[in-house]
Amino acid sequence: MTEQLELKLTGITESELEAHLWGAAEFLRGHIDASDYKQFIFPLLFFKRLCDVYDEELMDALEESGGDEEYARLPELHRFNIPGKRPLG
């Protein structure tokens, strides 16, 4: 609701904002052949899946341990070790 109000106050519609953002993305991206997108998309999908699996295992371990986060984060309880914070997870 507040986002719509803010857009109305700036005098730009949501579709106009989307068009401006899409145009900026096109300009910054330059020409990329459609077949080259797989070089960007597949690694992102793979990393997203790793993060999802880690999160699922973390939730299972938290439930099993009664909420003990230190126990739930033990590397032995996970198939993949995702160090640090995960931006997609």
Protein backbone atom coordinates (compact mmCIF):
# COMPACT_ATOMS: atom_id res chain seq x y z
CA MET A 1 0.00 0.00 0.00
CA THR A 2 2.70 2.51 0.92
CA GLU A 3 4.69 1.61 -2.21
CA GLN A 4 1.71 2.51 -4.39
CA LEU A 5 1.25 5.75 -2.47
CA GLU A 6 4.93 6.65 -2.89
CA LEU A 7 4.74 5.98 -6.64
CA LYS A 8 1.68 8.21 -6.92
CA LEU A 9 3.43 10.99 -5.03
CA THR A 10 6.39 10.91 -7.42
CA GLY A 11 4.11 11.20 -10.45
CA ILE A 12 5.26 7.94 -12.05
CA THR A 13 3.17 4.85 -12.52
CA GLU A 14 4.38 1.38 -11.65
CA SER A 15 4.47 0.37 -15.33
CA GLU A 16 6.53 3.47 -16.19
CA LEU A 17 8.96 2.63 -13.37
CA GLU A 18 9.24 -0.95 -14.65
CA ALA A 19 9.90 0.33 -18.17
CA HIS A 20 12.65 2.67 -16.92
CA LEU A 21 14.28 -0.08 -14.85
CA TRP A 22 14.10 -2.54 -17.74
CA GLY A 23 15.66 0.02 -20.07
CA ALA A 24 18.48 0.67 -17.60
CA ALA A 25 19.12 -3.08 -17.27
CA GLU A 26 19.21 -3.45 -21.07
CA PHE A 27 21.67 -0.56 -21.36
CA LEU A 28 23.98 -1.92 -18.66
CA ARG A 29 23.83 -5.48 -19.92
CA GLY A 30 24.62 -4.67 -23.51
CA HIS A 31 24.11 -7.29 -26.19
CA ILE A 32 24.22 -10.83 -24.86
CA ASP A 33 23.20 -13.76 -26.98
CA ALA A 34 20.31 -15.71 -25.47
CA SER A 35 22.40 -18.90 -25.36
CA ASP A 36 24.97 -17.12 -23.14
CA TYR A 37 22.45 -16.61 -20.35
CA LYS A 38 23.00 -20.21 -19.26
CA GLN A 39 26.46 -19.16 -18.04
CA PHE A 40 24.77 -16.87 -15.53
CA ILE A 41 21.56 -18.72 -14.76
CA PHE A 42 22.79 -22.28 -14.14
CA PRO A 43 25.32 -21.32 -11.44
CA LEU A 44 22.68 -19.18 -9.72
CA LEU A 45 20.16 -22.03 -9.81
CA PHE A 46 22.77 -24.45 -8.48
CA PHE A 47 23.75 -22.12 -5.63
CA LYS A 48 20.08 -21.50 -4.82
CA ARG A 49 19.46 -25.25 -4.60
CA LEU A 50 22.47 -25.71 -2.31
CA CYS A 51 21.14 -22.98 -0.04
CA ASP A 52 17.64 -24.49 -0.04
CA VAL A 53 18.99 -27.93 0.91
CA TYR A 54 21.09 -26.38 3.67
CA ASP A 55 18.07 -24.49 5.02
CA GLU A 56 15.90 -27.62 4.93
CA GLU A 57 18.54 -29.57 6.84
CA LEU A 58 18.94 -26.69 9.29
CA MET A 59 15.19 -26.65 9.99
CA ASP A 60 15.19 -30.43 10.51
CA ALA A 61 18.16 -30.19 12.89
CA LEU A 62 16.55 -27.33 14.82
CA GLU A 63 13.37 -29.36 15.22
CA GLU A 64 15.33 -32.46 16.24
CA SER A 65 17.42 -30.55 18.80
CA GLY A 66 14.60 -28.51 20.27
CA GLY A 67 15.88 -25.24 18.86
CA ASP A 68 19.61 -25.58 19.60
CA GLU A 69 21.08 -23.44 16.81
CA GLU A 70 24.70 -24.31 17.59
CA TYR A 71 23.91 -28.02 17.20
CA ALA A 72 21.81 -27.40 14.07
CA ARG A 73 24.72 -25.63 12.33
CA LEU A 74 27.22 -28.46 12.87
CA PRO A 75 28.76 -29.34 9.49
CA GLU A 76 28.21 -33.04 10.14
CA LEU A 77 24.46 -32.51 9.84
CA HIS A 78 24.61 -31.01 6.34
CA ARG A 79 25.42 -32.42 2.93
CA PHE A 80 26.81 -29.05 1.84
CA ASN A 81 28.75 -26.50 3.84
CA ILE A 82 27.64 -22.96 3.00
CA PRO A 83 30.07 -20.66 4.82
CA GLY A 84 28.94 -17.26 6.02
CA LYS A 85 25.65 -15.68 5.17
CA ARG A 86 23.82 -16.90 2.10
CA PRO A 87 22.29 -14.14 -0.05
CA LEU A 88 19.86 -16.51 -1.75
CA GLY A 89 18.97 -18.64 1.20
